């Protein structure tokens, strides 16, 4: 779980002394939203992270004296956020206005990794200066499939990385969006599968309304993805990119241990042909979520699988667990 602790408007969701009377404790809900969420998330056994915008649209110091803004506002605020909540992830943004040297990123990261209780465990992204995106960081980030202006939607990135985007076109809640602006369950599952197959993590943004409610359509999409993961999560969680991450438009591969997972997007018909995995007499095939025996042949070393009668239609994707393949 990654909370937007402060976006480009500068409003903080914790009692930040650097943003007096412009935080969620002094005004608005009069709650330490960050602290309450940390407690709830960790109580559920999950990791907790914070998004933090380095720059602010309307801060007087930022618009008049960037160096003083960094010294007296940004750095103390970030240190307070880390010291107060000891997050597992720090996800910075708004870096593009200046190089990392002016943001004093190296100075802050040196402090973070060497002088804080989370130094050995925290993960940081790649948004620390105008030159760092996709080049420096614990993990790289794409946004709606792009790195700056470059399309990275089909790229295999040889470094830990994460795709971030909203369920709709906007990151935050946008009351002008209609149902047609939101991704369907099929598109979201395909996005998750493709990201995992290319070795990445998916950070899917949820934008609450002004009074803190999660819009019903966003709740529905998350529940639909969760329902698919209840059956197919074995092919996503803890997996790695296989030697061939894709076959055609509809098949994606992940791997874990000695298993290879072939995830077929949509309904493939009565038979599925996989040419990439090289089968042997030791090969086994099972359909996740089904107890029915899966029949298959090995033409030319590949696999031709007959869909079990019990295979459900109308689900975003089907997953075959393959063992004994190369």
Protein backbone atom coordinates (compact mmCIF):
# COMPACT_ATOMS: atom_id res chain seq x y z
CA UNK A 1 0.00 0.00 0.00
CA UNK A 2 1.46 3.35 -1.06
CA UNK A 3 -0.29 6.49 0.22
CA UNK A 4 0.07 9.89 -1.43
CA UNK A 5 1.38 11.63 1.68
CA UNK A 6 1.77 14.93 -0.20
CA UNK A 7 1.01 15.70 -3.84
CA UNK A 8 2.00 18.74 -5.91
CA UNK A 9 -0.50 20.94 -4.05
CA UNK A 10 1.58 20.58 -0.89
CA UNK A 11 -1.26 19.39 1.37
CA UNK A 12 0.06 16.78 3.82
CA UNK A 13 -1.85 13.82 5.22
CA UNK A 14 0.17 13.84 8.42
CA UNK A 15 0.87 16.59 11.03
CA UNK A 16 3.81 18.13 9.22
CA UNK A 17 5.33 21.14 11.02
CA UNK A 18 6.64 22.38 7.66
CA UNK A 19 3.06 22.60 6.36
CA UNK A 20 1.36 24.25 9.32
CA UNK A 21 -2.36 24.68 8.78
CA UNK A 22 -2.04 22.91 5.43
CA UNK A 23 -2.27 19.33 6.62
CA UNK A 24 -5.02 16.87 7.52
CA UNK A 25 -4.56 17.29 11.28
CA UNK A 26 -4.75 21.08 11.41
CA UNK A 27 -7.63 21.38 8.92
CA UNK A 28 -10.12 19.17 7.08
CA UNK A 29 -10.66 15.80 8.79
CA UNK A 30 -8.39 16.66 11.77
CA UNK A 31 -6.90 13.18 11.51
CA UNK A 32 -3.42 11.78 11.08
CA UNK A 33 -4.49 9.93 7.93
CA UNK A 34 -0.98 8.59 7.29
CA UNK A 35 -0.59 7.27 10.83
CA UNK A 36 -4.04 5.66 10.90
CA UNK A 37 -3.41 3.97 7.55
CA UNK A 38 0.03 2.73 8.63
CA UNK A 39 -1.58 1.05 11.64
CA UNK A 40 -4.35 -0.53 9.56
CA UNK A 41 -2.07 -1.70 6.74
CA UNK A 42 0.54 -3.24 9.00
CA UNK A 43 -2.22 -4.77 11.11
CA UNK A 44 -3.31 -6.61 7.98
CA UNK A 45 0.23 -7.93 7.44
CA UNK A 46 1.03 -5.67 4.48
CA UNK A 47 3.95 -3.38 3.70
CA UNK A 48 3.42 0.40 3.91
CA UNK A 49 4.91 3.04 1.65
CA UNK A 50 4.58 6.75 0.92
CA UNK A 51 4.44 8.75 -2.27
CA UNK A 52 5.98 12.20 -1.77
CA UNK A 53 6.14 15.06 -4.27
CA UNK A 54 9.48 16.87 -4.16
CA UNK A 55 8.05 20.03 -5.66
CA UNK A 56 4.92 22.05 -4.96
CA UNK A 57 2.96 24.08 -7.48
CA UNK A 58 2.24 27.14 -5.33
CA UNK A 59 4.75 27.14 -2.48
CA UNK A 60 6.17 30.70 -2.28
CA UNK A 61 9.70 29.49 -1.52
CA UNK A 62 9.67 26.97 -4.36
CA UNK A 63 8.74 29.72 -6.79
CA UNK A 64 11.30 32.21 -5.45
CA UNK A 65 14.22 30.30 -3.91
CA UNK A 66 14.44 26.60 -4.71
CA UNK A 67 17.56 26.01 -2.65
CA UNK A 68 15.97 27.49 0.46
CA UNK A 69 12.80 25.48 -0.22
CA UNK A 70 14.84 22.26 -0.30
CA UNK A 71 16.82 23.20 2.83
CA UNK A 72 14.03 24.46 5.08
CA UNK A 73 10.94 22.66 3.78
CA UNK A 74 11.45 19.59 1.64
CA UNK A 75 14.34 17.85 3.39
CA UNK A 76 13.01 18.35 6.95
CA UNK A 77 9.58 17.22 5.82
CA UNK A 78 10.88 14.03 4.21
CA UNK A 79 13.01 13.23 7.25
CA UNK A 80 9.97 13.71 9.48
CA UNK A 81 7.88 11.37 7.32
CA UNK A 82 10.53 8.64 7.46
CA UNK A 83 11.34 9.07 11.16
CA UNK A 84 7.70 9.17 12.21
CA UNK A 85 6.39 6.14 10.28
CA UNK A 86 9.44 4.08 9.21
CA UNK A 87 7.98 3.19 5.79
CA UNK A 88 8.89 0.18 3.66
CA UNK A 89 8.77 2.22 0.42
CA UNK A 90 9.50 5.83 -0.43
CA UNK A 91 8.04 6.76 -3.82
CA UNK A 92 9.18 10.24 -4.84
CA UNK A 93 7.78 12.28 -7.72
CA UNK A 94 7.87 15.80 -9.13
CA UNK A 95 11.60 15.51 -9.77
CA UNK A 96 11.65 16.76 -13.34
CA UNK A 97 12.19 20.48 -12.67
CA UNK A 98 15.76 20.10 -11.41
CA UNK A 99 18.72 17.70 -11.41
CA UNK A 100 19.20 15.42 -8.42
CA UNK A 101 22.08 17.56 -7.16
CA UNK A 102 19.77 20.53 -6.64
CA UNK A 103 17.23 18.35 -4.85
CA UNK A 104 20.15 17.14 -2.69
CA UNK A 105 18.99 13.62 -3.36
CA UNK A 106 22.34 11.97 -2.65
CA UNK A 107 22.52 13.72 0.70
CA UNK A 108 19.02 12.59 1.67
CA UNK A 109 19.53 9.00 0.47
CA UNK A 110 22.83 8.76 2.34
CA UNK A 111 20.98 9.73 5.51
CA UNK A 112 18.12 7.34 4.71
CA UNK A 113 20.28 4.28 4.13
CA UNK A 114 22.90 4.91 6.82
CA UNK A 115 21.22 6.71 9.72
CA UNK A 116 17.63 5.47 9.93
CA UNK A 117 16.08 2.25 11.29
CA UNK A 118 14.75 1.41 7.80
CA UNK A 119 18.06 1.77 5.97
CA UNK A 120 18.47 -1.96 5.38
CA UNK A 121 14.88 -2.61 4.32
CA UNK A 122 13.37 0.40 2.56
CA UNK A 123 12.86 0.43 -1.22
CA UNK A 124 13.11 3.67 -3.20
CA UNK A 125 12.18 4.44 -6.78
CA UNK A 126 13.97 6.35 -9.54
CA UNK A 127 12.45 9.86 -9.36
CA UNK A 128 15.19 11.86 -7.66
CA UNK A 129 16.12 14.36 -10.38
CA UNK A 130 15.46 15.19 -14.00
CA UNK A 131 18.20 12.80 -15.10
CA UNK A 132 17.37 9.77 -12.91
CA UNK A 133 14.11 8.28 -14.28
CA UNK A 134 14.80 4.81 -15.64
CA UNK A 135 18.51 5.16 -14.84
CA UNK A 136 19.07 5.35 -11.08
CA UNK A 137 17.08 3.98 -8.17
CA UNK A 138 16.23 0.83 -6.27
CA UNK A 139 13.53 0.20 -8.84
CA UNK A 140 12.52 1.97 -12.03
CA UNK A 141 9.03 3.28 -12.76
CA UNK A 142 7.02 3.51 -15.93
CA UNK A 143 3.83 5.59 -15.99
CA UNK A 144 0.96 4.55 -18.26
CA UNK A 145 3.58 2.47 -20.09
CA UNK A 146 6.03 5.31 -20.69
CA UNK A 147 9.41 6.55 -19.50
CA UNK A 148 9.30 10.28 -20.28
CA UNK A 149 8.13 10.33 -23.92
CA UNK A 150 9.39 6.82 -24.70
CA UNK A 151 6.90 3.96 -25.08
CA UNK A 152 8.04 1.19 -22.75
CA UNK A 153 4.83 -0.84 -22.80
CA UNK A 154 6.49 -3.86 -24.44
CA UNK A 155 9.96 -3.42 -23.01
CA UNK A 156 11.67 -6.02 -20.83
CA UNK A 157 13.53 -3.88 -18.28
CA UNK A 158 16.62 -5.63 -16.84
CA UNK A 159 16.21 -4.04 -13.40
CA UNK A 160 13.50 -4.20 -10.72
CA UNK A 161 10.68 -2.02 -12.03
CA UNK A 162 7.07 -1.02 -11.57
CA UNK A 163 4.26 0.20 -13.79
CA UNK A 164 2.02 2.84 -12.23
CA UNK A 165 -1.28 4.15 -13.58
CA UNK A 166 -4.84 4.92 -12.59
CA UNK A 167 -7.88 2.71 -13.10
CA UNK A 168 -9.21 5.55 -15.25
CA UNK A 169 -7.29 8.11 -17.28
CA UNK A 170 -6.63 10.21 -14.18
CA UNK A 171 -4.60 9.32 -11.11
CA UNK A 172 -6.82 11.25 -8.73
CA UNK A 173 -10.60 11.12 -8.63
CA UNK A 174 -11.99 12.90 -11.69
CA UNK A 175 -15.73 13.49 -11.52
CA UNK A 176 -15.78 14.32 -15.24
CA UNK A 177 -14.83 10.74 -16.12
CA UNK A 178 -17.55 8.33 -17.16
CA UNK A 179 -17.63 4.54 -17.12
CA UNK A 180 -16.05 4.48 -20.59
CA UNK A 181 -12.93 6.16 -19.15
CA UNK A 182 -12.30 3.29 -16.73
CA UNK A 183 -10.42 0.15 -17.71
CA UNK A 184 -12.51 -3.01 -17.86
CA UNK A 185 -11.71 -5.98 -15.60
CA UNK A 186 -10.31 -7.77 -18.66
CA UNK A 187 -7.93 -4.89 -19.44
CA UNK A 188 -6.78 -4.60 -15.83
CA UNK A 189 -6.06 -8.32 -15.52
CA UNK A 190 -4.24 -8.23 -18.87
CA UNK A 191 -2.20 -5.27 -17.59
CA UNK A 192 -1.32 -7.12 -14.39
CA UNK A 193 -0.41 -10.30 -16.27
CA UNK A 194 1.70 -8.52 -18.87
CA UNK A 195 3.53 -6.52 -16.20
CA UNK A 196 4.30 -9.60 -14.13
CA UNK A 197 5.39 -11.53 -17.25
CA UNK A 198 7.90 -8.78 -18.04
CA UNK A 199 9.26 -8.96 -14.50
CA UNK A 200 7.52 -5.89 -13.09
CA UNK A 201 5.18 -4.91 -10.28
CA UNK A 202 1.86 -3.15 -10.86
CA UNK A 203 1.05 -0.10 -8.72
CA UNK A 204 -2.59 0.61 -9.53
CA UNK A 205 -3.80 4.01 -8.35
CA UNK A 206 -7.10 4.51 -6.55
CA UNK A 207 -8.37 8.09 -6.26
CA UNK A 208 -10.71 8.79 -3.32
CA UNK A 209 -13.42 11.42 -3.47
CA UNK A 210 -13.03 14.66 -1.49
CA UNK A 211 -14.66 13.08 1.57
CA UNK A 212 -12.41 10.04 1.48
CA UNK A 213 -14.68 7.46 -0.16
CA UNK A 214 -13.37 5.00 -2.73
CA UNK A 215 -15.66 5.37 -5.81
CA UNK A 216 -17.85 2.33 -6.26
CA UNK A 217 -16.54 1.59 -9.76
CA UNK A 218 -12.97 1.50 -8.37
CA UNK A 219 -14.09 -0.81 -5.56
CA UNK A 220 -15.71 -3.07 -8.15
CA UNK A 221 -12.57 -3.21 -10.31
CA UNK A 222 -10.38 -4.09 -7.31
CA UNK A 223 -12.81 -6.81 -6.21
CA UNK A 224 -12.91 -8.21 -9.75
CA UNK A 225 -9.12 -8.35 -9.91
CA UNK A 226 -9.07 -9.94 -6.46
CA UNK A 227 -11.55 -12.59 -7.56
CA UNK A 228 -9.32 -13.50 -10.50
CA UNK A 229 -6.26 -13.59 -8.22
CA UNK A 230 -7.99 -15.93 -5.76
CA UNK A 231 -7.78 -18.60 -8.44
CA UNK A 232 -4.73 -17.47 -10.42
CA UNK A 233 -2.57 -15.66 -7.88
CA UNK A 234 -0.08 -18.53 -7.84
CA UNK A 235 0.98 -17.41 -11.33
CA UNK A 236 1.55 -13.80 -10.17
CA UNK A 237 2.75 -13.66 -6.56
CA UNK A 238 6.39 -14.53 -6.03
CA UNK A 239 6.96 -15.27 -9.71
CA UNK A 240 9.72 -14.13 -12.03
CA UNK A 241 9.97 -13.41 -15.73
CA UNK A 242 10.50 -16.61 -17.71
CA UNK A 243 13.03 -16.81 -20.56
CA UNK A 244 10.22 -16.04 -23.01
CA UNK A 245 7.70 -13.72 -21.40
CA UNK A 246 5.14 -13.77 -24.22
CA UNK A 247 3.83 -15.79 -27.15
CA UNK A 248 1.66 -13.88 -29.57
CA UNK A 249 -0.95 -11.42 -28.36
CA UNK A 250 -2.75 -13.63 -25.88
CA UNK A 251 -0.23 -15.78 -23.98
CA UNK A 252 2.08 -14.54 -21.21
CA UNK A 253 4.54 -16.60 -19.17
CA UNK A 254 5.78 -16.38 -15.58
CA UNK A 255 7.81 -18.85 -13.57
CA UNK A 256 8.37 -19.97 -9.99
CA UNK A 257 10.60 -22.83 -8.88
CA UNK A 258 10.29 -25.62 -11.45
CA UNK A 259 6.89 -24.43 -12.67
CA UNK A 260 6.11 -22.31 -15.72
CA UNK A 261 2.75 -20.57 -15.88
CA UNK A 262 1.12 -19.97 -19.25
CA UNK A 263 -1.57 -17.33 -18.79
CA UNK A 264 -4.00 -17.19 -21.69
CA UNK A 265 -5.92 -13.93 -21.96
CA UNK A 266 -9.61 -14.26 -22.73
CA UNK A 267 -11.33 -17.44 -23.96
CA UNK A 268 -8.94 -19.39 -26.20
CA UNK A 269 -11.44 -21.84 -27.65
CA UNK A 270 -11.49 -25.60 -27.15
CA UNK A 271 -7.75 -26.04 -27.73
CA UNK A 272 -4.67 -24.02 -26.83
CA UNK A 273 -1.38 -24.41 -28.69
CA UNK A 274 1.82 -23.37 -26.94
CA UNK A 275 4.90 -23.43 -29.15
CA UNK A 276 7.44 -21.85 -26.79
CA UNK A 277 7.66 -24.41 -23.93
CA UNK A 278 9.54 -27.51 -25.05
CA UNK A 279 7.80 -30.54 -23.61
CA UNK A 280 9.08 -33.95 -22.58
CA UNK A 281 7.64 -37.21 -21.31
CA UNK A 282 7.85 -35.75 -17.81
CA UNK A 283 5.66 -32.76 -18.70
CA UNK A 284 2.50 -32.20 -16.67
CA UNK A 285 -0.26 -29.64 -17.27
CA UNK A 286 -2.96 -28.42 -14.90
CA UNK A 287 -5.49 -25.62 -15.09
CA UNK A 288 -5.51 -23.46 -11.96
CA UNK A 289 -8.91 -23.57 -10.30
CA UNK A 290 -9.90 -26.89 -11.88
CA UNK A 291 -9.63 -30.42 -10.49
CA UNK A 292 -10.33 -31.92 -13.92
CA UNK A 293 -7.49 -33.76 -15.64
CA UNK A 294 -6.06 -31.70 -18.49
CA UNK A 295 -5.46 -33.59 -21.73
CA UNK A 296 -2.65 -32.48 -24.00
CA UNK A 297 -0.43 -33.62 -26.87
CA UNK A 298 3.18 -32.82 -27.71
CA UNK A 299 3.33 -32.02 -31.44
CA UNK A 300 6.87 -31.16 -32.46
CA UNK A 301 7.93 -30.66 -28.85
CA UNK A 302 5.31 -27.98 -28.11
CA UNK A 303 1.98 -28.41 -26.35
CA UNK A 304 -1.55 -28.66 -27.68
CA UNK A 305 -3.93 -28.47 -24.73
CA UNK A 306 -7.60 -29.36 -24.72
CA UNK A 307 -9.58 -27.04 -22.48
CA UNK A 308 -11.33 -28.97 -19.68
CA UNK A 309 -15.12 -29.02 -19.83
CA UNK A 310 -15.18 -27.33 -16.42
CA UNK A 311 -13.12 -24.35 -17.63
CA UNK A 312 -15.24 -21.24 -17.04
CA UNK A 313 -16.00 -18.81 -19.83
CA UNK A 314 -16.30 -15.11 -19.17
CA UNK A 315 -13.20 -14.80 -16.97
CA UNK A 316 -10.37 -12.43 -17.96
CA UNK A 317 -7.70 -15.15 -18.30
CA UNK A 318 -6.95 -18.84 -17.75
CA UNK A 319 -3.70 -20.14 -16.25
CA UNK A 320 -1.98 -23.42 -17.09
CA UNK A 321 0.70 -24.63 -14.71
CA UNK A 322 3.39 -26.49 -16.62
CA UNK A 323 6.09 -28.67 -15.10
CA UNK A 324 8.80 -30.63 -16.87
CA UNK A 325 9.18 -28.12 -19.72
CA UNK A 326 12.19 -26.22 -20.99
